Every structure is written in structure tokens, then in C-alpha cells.
């Protein structure tokens, strides 16, 4: 069982999420409504996973995301998933700089509860889950490294950063797996990154590189 601390300021949504997580083997040991309570709950319960909204009291800006970044700093290896209605590029990049066990999902784009639960389990196990729109906005933060990529390579890179395997990308783009492997190798070479068959490590390496200051 994956023990979860849930942070969401909306009472109805918080209770609904807690019930949903319980159904899929993710018992909620604490459900809180603000960033301060989130930090305290993690310190008390030492959960296996944190799921937090980005906007929470008192300012309803990025308190939840800041708390997530702080938790990753103070509790290395603690899996954290941020849920949001928008992408905070700076803090999202800082959160995703972590090595594994991290996610950033957009609420409006979660359309299947079983997939959502499976994603949380994957992050709890050390994986990465990033909404493609988050990937797109983070990629556009750095133009120079991507100038050398073809349109198809950019498309493949977005799917790699999303966490897709070569097989899944091939199925999505209706091409052969060998073609995807060639694209991935070209991307890693053009970005100065060594090829790696580990999807999670590839995602983290690509995102880390793209978040480096330009020039």
C-alpha cells in the first residue's frame, strides 16, 4: 500500500480525491487544505507519496508548488505529484529537477481515473509523470538547444519527456519502433546527451539540459 498525504484547499474535491485514492490502493493518511498543514503532515506521517494542489491558502498563488519543492529538498526521494490548472514554469522546472518520483499534472487533462491512479503508483515507485502541455511549455523556455531538432524529433522529444517508451511512441506516431529509436538517438546526440534505454533517466536528463540557462 502507498500511503498518501493529500493537499487540496477545496473541501469537496479533497474528499472526492481521498475516496478515489483509497479505491485504488492509495490510502490517504492525512488530507489538508493549506501548504503549512501539508509540511506538518509530511513531517508527522512520513508518507510514501504526496499529492498537492498548486494554488492553496493563504495567497492562492503557488503555495502548494512551493511546498512541494521544499519537501523534495528537505526529504530527498519523497515522491511528489503536483496538480494544477496552469503551468508555473519556474517552479515546475525546479520541482522537475529532482531525480525520479516526481510529477506535474494538469487537472483539466486528467480524463481517466484508472490511468490517474496508475500514474500515482508509478511516481510512488520512483517514476516520472509530466503532462505533455507542461513539457511543451518547458521546452519553449529554451530555444537554442532545440534549433537543431527536426519537427519530428521535437514531437518525439515531447513524448519522451512525457515518459513514453519507444514502443508507446511508435504506436502513437504510427511508425516503427526502430524509427523511434533512431529519432531518440539523434535527439540525445544533438542535445549533447548520451543515449540511454532507461526512459525515466532520459526524461530527467533532457529536462535538466533544457532548463539550463541559455548561453
C-alpha atoms as a PDB file:
ATOM      1  CA  UNK A   1       0.000   0.000   0.000  1.00  0.00           C
ATOM      2  CA  UNK A   2       1.177   3.507  -0.864  1.00  0.00           C
ATOM      3  CA  UNK A   3       0.427   5.914   1.991  1.00  0.00           C
ATOM      4  CA  UNK A   4      -0.516   9.371   0.734  1.00  0.00           C
ATOM      5  CA  UNK A   5      -0.636  12.865   2.164  1.00  0.00           C
ATOM      6  CA  UNK A   6      -3.140  14.882   0.112  1.00  0.00           C
ATOM      7  CA  UNK A   7      -3.237  18.685  -0.010  1.00  0.00           C
ATOM      8  CA  UNK A   8      -6.209  20.412  -1.667  1.00  0.00           C
ATOM      9  CA  UNK A   9      -7.984  23.520  -0.393  1.00  0.00           C
ATOM     10  CA  UNK A  10     -11.384  22.667  -1.881  1.00  0.00           C
ATOM     11  CA  UNK A  11     -13.256  20.522   0.654  1.00  0.00           C
ATOM     12  CA  UNK A  12     -15.400  18.646  -1.878  1.00  0.00           C
ATOM     13  CA  UNK A  13     -12.520  17.979  -4.243  1.00  0.00           C
ATOM     14  CA  UNK A  14     -10.264  16.955  -1.353  1.00  0.00           C
ATOM     15  CA  UNK A  15     -12.803  14.449  -0.059  1.00  0.00           C
ATOM     16  CA  UNK A  16     -13.504  13.163  -3.547  1.00  0.00           C
ATOM     17  CA  UNK A  17      -9.808  12.653  -4.281  1.00  0.00           C
ATOM     18  CA  UNK A  18      -9.268  10.942  -0.947  1.00  0.00           C
ATOM     19  CA  UNK A  19     -12.054   8.474  -1.706  1.00  0.00           C
ATOM     20  CA  UNK A  20     -10.735   7.862  -5.201  1.00  0.00           C
ATOM     21  CA  UNK A  21      -7.212   7.187  -3.981  1.00  0.00           C
ATOM     22  CA  UNK A  22      -8.479   4.775  -1.335  1.00  0.00           C
ATOM     23  CA  UNK A  23     -10.271   2.785  -4.063  1.00  0.00           C
ATOM     24  CA  UNK A  24      -7.023   2.260  -5.937  1.00  0.00           C
ATOM     25  CA  UNK A  25      -4.826   1.169  -3.052  1.00  0.00           C
ATOM     26  CA  UNK A  26      -3.542   4.632  -2.134  1.00  0.00           C
ATOM     27  CA  UNK A  27      -4.770   5.211   1.434  1.00  0.00           C
ATOM     28  CA  UNK A  28      -4.748   8.852   2.494  1.00  0.00           C
ATOM     29  CA  UNK A  29      -3.156   9.201   5.928  1.00  0.00           C
ATOM     30  CA  UNK A  30      -3.746  12.963   6.004  1.00  0.00           C
ATOM     31  CA  UNK A  31      -5.867  15.325   3.897  1.00  0.00           C
ATOM     32  CA  UNK A  32      -5.115  19.007   4.424  1.00  0.00           C
ATOM     33  CA  UNK A  33      -6.125  22.337   2.933  1.00  0.00           C
ATOM     34  CA  UNK A  34      -3.065  24.596   3.061  1.00  0.00           C
ATOM     35  CA  UNK A  35       0.684  24.493   2.494  1.00  0.00           C
ATOM     36  CA  UNK A  36       1.635  24.812   6.149  1.00  0.00           C
ATOM     37  CA  UNK A  37      -0.532  21.864   7.103  1.00  0.00           C
ATOM     38  CA  UNK A  38       0.987  19.886   4.218  1.00  0.00           C
ATOM     39  CA  UNK A  39       4.509  20.358   5.556  1.00  0.00           C
ATOM     40  CA  UNK A  40       3.385  19.408   9.061  1.00  0.00           C
ATOM     41  CA  UNK A  41       1.507  16.314   7.840  1.00  0.00           C
ATOM     42  CA  UNK A  42       4.527  15.035   5.946  1.00  0.00           C
ATOM     43  CA  UNK A  43       6.734  15.518   8.988  1.00  0.00           C
ATOM     44  CA  UNK A  44       4.232  13.609  11.128  1.00  0.00           C
ATOM     45  CA  UNK A  45       3.233  10.746   8.839  1.00  0.00           C
ATOM     46  CA  UNK A  46       6.302  10.210   6.610  1.00  0.00           C
ATOM     47  CA  UNK A  47       4.129   9.189   3.632  1.00  0.00           C
ATOM     48  CA  UNK A  48       5.113   7.226   0.539  1.00  0.00           C
ATOM     49  CA  UNK A  49       3.615   9.875  -1.753  1.00  0.00           C
ATOM     50  CA  UNK A  50       2.469  13.497  -1.627  1.00  0.00           C
ATOM     51  CA  UNK A  51      -0.278  14.756  -3.920  1.00  0.00           C
ATOM     52  CA  UNK A  52      -0.732  18.504  -3.748  1.00  0.00           C
ATOM     53  CA  UNK A  53      -2.660  21.241  -5.467  1.00  0.00           C
ATOM     54  CA  UNK A  54      -0.525  24.141  -6.679  1.00  0.00           C
ATOM     55  CA  UNK A  55      -2.750  27.031  -5.600  1.00  0.00           C
ATOM     56  CA  UNK A  56      -3.611  26.989  -1.907  1.00  0.00           C
ATOM     57  CA  UNK A  57      -4.189  29.383   1.008  1.00  0.00           C
ATOM     58  CA  UNK A  58      -3.334  31.922   2.100  1.00  0.00           C
ATOM     59  CA  UNK A  59      -2.442  33.600  -1.191  1.00  0.00           C
ATOM     60  CA  UNK A  60      -3.981  31.115  -3.624  1.00  0.00           C
ATOM     61  CA  UNK A  61      -0.963  31.511  -5.893  1.00  0.00           C
ATOM     62  CA  UNK A  62       1.780  28.880  -5.834  1.00  0.00           C
ATOM     63  CA  UNK A  63       1.908  27.909  -2.161  1.00  0.00           C
ATOM     64  CA  UNK A  64       1.342  24.229  -2.870  1.00  0.00           C
ATOM     65  CA  UNK A  65       4.051  24.086  -5.501  1.00  0.00           C
ATOM     66  CA  UNK A  66       6.500  25.908  -3.255  1.00  0.00           C
ATOM     67  CA  UNK A  67       5.716  23.413  -0.521  1.00  0.00           C
ATOM     68  CA  UNK A  68       6.347  20.556  -2.964  1.00  0.00           C
ATOM     69  CA  UNK A  69       9.749  21.982  -3.880  1.00  0.00           C
ATOM     70  CA  UNK A  70      10.582  22.407  -0.199  1.00  0.00           C
ATOM     71  CA  UNK A  71       9.528  18.828   0.550  1.00  0.00           C
ATOM     72  CA  UNK A  72      11.751  17.480  -2.205  1.00  0.00           C
ATOM     73  CA  UNK A  73      14.634  19.487  -0.797  1.00  0.00           C
ATOM     74  CA  UNK A  74      14.076  18.512   2.835  1.00  0.00           C
ATOM     75  CA  UNK A  75      13.026  14.907   2.201  1.00  0.00           C
ATOM     76  CA  UNK A  76      15.166  13.671  -0.711  1.00  0.00           C
ATOM     77  CA  UNK A  77      13.474  10.883  -2.600  1.00  0.00           C
ATOM     78  CA  UNK A  78       9.965  11.681  -1.345  1.00  0.00           C
ATOM     79  CA  UNK A  79       7.645  11.157  -4.341  1.00  0.00           C
ATOM     80  CA  UNK A  80       5.567  14.265  -5.061  1.00  0.00           C
ATOM     81  CA  UNK A  81       2.833  14.937  -7.618  1.00  0.00           C
ATOM     82  CA  UNK A  82       1.641  18.497  -8.207  1.00  0.00           C
ATOM     83  CA  UNK A  83      -1.873  19.032  -9.579  1.00  0.00           C
ATOM     84  CA  UNK A  84      -2.668  22.320 -11.245  1.00  0.00           C
ATOM     85  CA  UNK A  85      -4.820  24.199 -13.734  1.00  0.00           C
ATOM     86  CA  UNK A  86      -1.799  26.013 -15.167  1.00  0.00           C
ATOM     87  CA  UNK A  87       1.966  25.702 -15.593  1.00  0.00           C
ATOM     88  CA  UNK A  88       4.262  27.719 -13.336  1.00  0.00           C
ATOM     89  CA  UNK A  89       7.389  27.427 -15.488  1.00  0.00           C
ATOM     90  CA  UNK A  90       9.967  28.470 -12.941  1.00  0.00           C
ATOM     91  CA  UNK A  91       8.789  26.368 -10.014  1.00  0.00           C
ATOM     92  CA  UNK A  92       7.732  23.483 -12.254  1.00  0.00           C
ATOM     93  CA  UNK A  93      11.258  23.358 -13.620  1.00  0.00           C
ATOM     94  CA  UNK A  94      12.681  23.446 -10.094  1.00  0.00           C
ATOM     95  CA  UNK A  95      10.408  20.624  -8.968  1.00  0.00           C
ATOM     96  CA  UNK A  96      11.201  18.528 -12.031  1.00  0.00           C
ATOM     97  CA  UNK A  97      14.938  18.992 -11.494  1.00  0.00           C
ATOM     98  CA  UNK A  98      14.537  16.268  -8.874  1.00  0.00           C
ATOM     99  CA  UNK A  99      15.713  12.768  -9.747  1.00  0.00           C
ATOM    100  CA  UNK A 100      12.683  10.496 -10.039  1.00  0.00           C
ATOM    101  CA  UNK A 101       9.490  10.189  -8.046  1.00  0.00           C
ATOM    102  CA  UNK A 102       8.018  13.426  -9.328  1.00  0.00           C
ATOM    103  CA  UNK A 103       5.004  14.506 -11.349  1.00  0.00           C
ATOM    104  CA  UNK A 104       3.240  17.617 -12.640  1.00  0.00           C
ATOM    105  CA  UNK A 105      -0.274  17.020 -13.954  1.00  0.00           C
ATOM    106  CA  UNK A 106      -2.908  19.447 -15.225  1.00  0.00           C
ATOM    107  CA  UNK A 107      -6.286  18.808 -13.599  1.00  0.00           C
ATOM    108  CA  UNK A 108      -8.386  19.550 -16.666  1.00  0.00           C
ATOM    109  CA  UNK A 109      -6.455  16.975 -18.709  1.00  0.00           C
ATOM    110  CA  UNK A 110      -6.984  14.055 -16.325  1.00  0.00           C
ATOM    111  CA  UNK A 111      -9.730  12.131 -18.128  1.00  0.00           C
ATOM    112  CA  UNK A 112      -9.396   8.552 -16.811  1.00  0.00           C
ATOM    113  CA  UNK A 113      -9.314   7.770 -13.098  1.00  0.00           C
ATOM    114  CA  UNK A 114      -7.619   4.397 -13.579  1.00  0.00           C
ATOM    115  CA  UNK A 115      -4.830   5.998 -15.607  1.00  0.00           C
ATOM    116  CA  UNK A 116      -4.536   8.704 -12.961  1.00  0.00           C
ATOM    117  CA  UNK A 117      -4.208   6.124 -10.176  1.00  0.00           C
ATOM    118  CA  UNK A 118      -1.676   4.141 -12.223  1.00  0.00           C
ATOM    119  CA  UNK A 119       0.327   7.337 -12.733  1.00  0.00           C
ATOM    120  CA  UNK A 120       0.416   7.984  -8.992  1.00  0.00           C
ATOM    121  CA  UNK A 121       1.605   4.433  -8.364  1.00  0.00           C
ATOM    122  CA  UNK A 122       4.341   4.919 -10.971  1.00  0.00           C
ATOM    123  CA  UNK A 123       5.561   8.126  -9.341  1.00  0.00           C
ATOM    124  CA  UNK A 124       5.457   6.493  -5.902  1.00  0.00           C
ATOM    125  CA  UNK A 125       7.728   3.791  -7.324  1.00  0.00           C
ATOM    126  CA  UNK A 126      10.248   6.411  -8.461  1.00  0.00           C
ATOM    127  CA  UNK A 127       8.946   7.197 -11.932  1.00  0.00           C
ATOM    128  CA  UNK A 128       8.194  10.484 -13.640  1.00  0.00           C
ATOM    129  CA  UNK A 129       4.809  11.774 -14.826  1.00  0.00           C
ATOM    130  CA  UNK A 130       4.629  15.053 -16.730  1.00  0.00           C
ATOM    131  CA  UNK A 131       1.632  16.343 -18.642  1.00  0.00           C
ATOM    132  CA  UNK A 132       2.537  16.911 -22.318  1.00  0.00           C
ATOM    133  CA  UNK A 133       1.398  20.539 -22.061  1.00  0.00           C
ATOM    134  CA  UNK A 134       3.832  21.069 -19.190  1.00  0.00           C
ATOM    135  CA  UNK A 135       6.540  19.532 -21.353  1.00  0.00           C
ATOM    136  CA  UNK A 136       5.649  21.820 -24.259  1.00  0.00           C
ATOM    137  CA  UNK A 137       5.815  24.957 -22.147  1.00  0.00           C
ATOM    138  CA  UNK A 138       9.095  23.926 -20.518  1.00  0.00           C
ATOM    139  CA  UNK A 139      10.644  23.122 -23.872  1.00  0.00           C
ATOM    140  CA  UNK A 140       9.756  26.551 -25.248  1.00  0.00           C
ATOM    141  CA  UNK A 141      11.682  28.179 -22.399  1.00  0.00           C
ATOM    142  CA  UNK A 142      14.966  27.338 -24.139  1.00  0.00           C
ATOM    143  CA  UNK A 143      15.073  27.865 -27.888  1.00  0.00           C
ATOM    144  CA  UNK A 144      18.725  27.383 -28.792  1.00  0.00           C
ATOM    145  CA  UNK A 145      19.143  23.695 -27.813  1.00  0.00           C
ATOM    146  CA  UNK A 146      16.128  22.764 -29.921  1.00  0.00           C
ATOM    147  CA  UNK A 147      17.099  24.644 -33.066  1.00  0.00           C
ATOM    148  CA  UNK A 148      18.966  21.616 -34.369  1.00  0.00           C
ATOM    149  CA  UNK A 149      15.968  19.291 -33.997  1.00  0.00           C
ATOM    150  CA  UNK A 150      13.625  18.478 -36.845  1.00  0.00           C
ATOM    151  CA  UNK A 151       9.849  18.854 -36.323  1.00  0.00           C
ATOM    152  CA  UNK A 152       9.531  15.075 -35.965  1.00  0.00           C
ATOM    153  CA  UNK A 153      12.372  14.987 -33.434  1.00  0.00           C
ATOM    154  CA  UNK A 154      10.653  17.707 -31.419  1.00  0.00           C
ATOM    155  CA  UNK A 155       7.483  15.634 -31.449  1.00  0.00           C
ATOM    156  CA  UNK A 156       9.354  12.544 -30.299  1.00  0.00           C
ATOM    157  CA  UNK A 157      11.182  14.554 -27.626  1.00  0.00           C
ATOM    158  CA  UNK A 158       7.888  15.782 -26.170  1.00  0.00           C
ATOM    159  CA  UNK A 159       6.675  12.184 -25.913  1.00  0.00           C
ATOM    160  CA  UNK A 160       9.971  11.035 -24.387  1.00  0.00           C
ATOM    161  CA  UNK A 161       9.730  13.801 -21.788  1.00  0.00           C
ATOM    162  CA  UNK A 162       6.141  12.735 -21.109  1.00  0.00           C
ATOM    163  CA  UNK A 163       7.536   9.363 -20.047  1.00  0.00           C
ATOM    164  CA  UNK A 164       6.534   7.267 -23.065  1.00  0.00           C
ATOM    165  CA  UNK A 165       8.576   4.230 -24.066  1.00  0.00           C
ATOM    166  CA  UNK A 166       9.848   3.763 -27.617  1.00  0.00           C
ATOM    167  CA  UNK A 167       7.099   1.208 -28.170  1.00  0.00           C
ATOM    168  CA  UNK A 168       4.408   3.617 -26.984  1.00  0.00           C
ATOM    169  CA  UNK A 169       5.812   6.437 -29.130  1.00  0.00           C
ATOM    170  CA  UNK A 170       5.865   4.184 -32.197  1.00  0.00           C
ATOM    171  CA  UNK A 171       2.243   3.275 -31.614  1.00  0.00           C
ATOM    172  CA  UNK A 172       1.286   6.928 -31.063  1.00  0.00           C
ATOM    173  CA  UNK A 173       3.046   8.192 -34.198  1.00  0.00           C
ATOM    174  CA  UNK A 174       2.244   5.125 -36.293  1.00  0.00           C
ATOM    175  CA  UNK A 175       5.885   4.445 -37.159  1.00  0.00           C
ATOM    176  CA  UNK A 176       8.246   1.546 -36.485  1.00  0.00           C
ATOM    177  CA  UNK A 177       9.972   1.179 -33.138  1.00  0.00           C
ATOM    178  CA  UNK A 178      13.302   1.184 -34.989  1.00  0.00           C
ATOM    179  CA  UNK A 179      12.444   4.616 -36.431  1.00  0.00           C
ATOM    180  CA  UNK A 180      11.665   5.926 -32.965  1.00  0.00           C
ATOM    181  CA  UNK A 181      14.946   4.544 -31.649  1.00  0.00           C
ATOM    182  CA  UNK A 182      16.800   6.365 -34.402  1.00  0.00           C
ATOM    183  CA  UNK A 183      14.986   9.627 -33.621  1.00  0.00           C
ATOM    184  CA  UNK A 184      15.759   9.301 -29.911  1.00  0.00           C
ATOM    185  CA  UNK A 185      19.422   8.632 -30.634  1.00  0.00           C
ATOM    186  CA  UNK A 186      19.581  11.693 -32.901  1.00  0.00           C
ATOM    187  CA  UNK A 187      17.875  13.864 -30.270  1.00  0.00           C
ATOM    188  CA  UNK A 188      20.231  12.814 -27.492  1.00  0.00           C
ATOM    189  CA  UNK A 189      23.238  13.297 -29.766  1.00  0.00           C
ATOM    190  CA  UNK A 190      22.130  16.761 -30.931  1.00  0.00           C
ATOM    191  CA  UNK A 191      21.462  17.848 -27.350  1.00  0.00           C
ATOM    192  CA  UNK A 192      24.816  16.503 -26.214  1.00  0.00           C
ATOM    193  CA  UNK A 193      23.252  13.766 -24.097  1.00  0.00           C
ATOM    194  CA  UNK A 194      24.398  10.109 -24.153  1.00  0.00           C
ATOM    195  CA  UNK A 195      21.842   7.551 -25.371  1.00  0.00           C
ATOM    196  CA  UNK A 196      20.121   5.669 -22.568  1.00  0.00           C
ATOM    197  CA  UNK A 197      17.487   2.940 -22.681  1.00  0.00           C
ATOM    198  CA  UNK A 198      16.043   3.952 -19.319  1.00  0.00           C
ATOM    199  CA  UNK A 199      13.014   6.113 -20.145  1.00  0.00           C
ATOM    200  CA  UNK A 200      12.896   7.769 -16.724  1.00  0.00           C
ATOM    201  CA  UNK A 201      16.584   8.741 -16.840  1.00  0.00           C
ATOM    202  CA  UNK A 202      16.188  10.036 -20.392  1.00  0.00           C
ATOM    203  CA  UNK A 203      13.298  12.251 -19.323  1.00  0.00           C
ATOM    204  CA  UNK A 204      15.233  13.713 -16.413  1.00  0.00           C
ATOM    205  CA  UNK A 205      18.382  14.243 -18.474  1.00  0.00           C
ATOM    206  CA  UNK A 206      16.506  16.012 -21.260  1.00  0.00           C
ATOM    207  CA  UNK A 207      14.555  18.241 -18.895  1.00  0.00           C
ATOM    208  CA  UNK A 208      17.653  19.090 -16.866  1.00  0.00           C
ATOM    209  CA  UNK A 209      19.506  20.086 -20.007  1.00  0.00           C
ATOM    210  CA  UNK A 210      16.636  22.200 -21.313  1.00  0.00           C
ATOM    211  CA  UNK A 211      16.368  24.075 -18.026  1.00  0.00           C
ATOM    212  CA  UNK A 212      19.998  25.197 -18.069  1.00  0.00           C
ATOM    213  CA  UNK A 213      20.452  28.957 -18.538  1.00  0.00           C
ATOM    214  CA  UNK A 214      20.794  29.821 -22.216  1.00  0.00           C
ATOM    215  CA  UNK A 215      24.202  30.943 -23.486  1.00  0.00           C
END
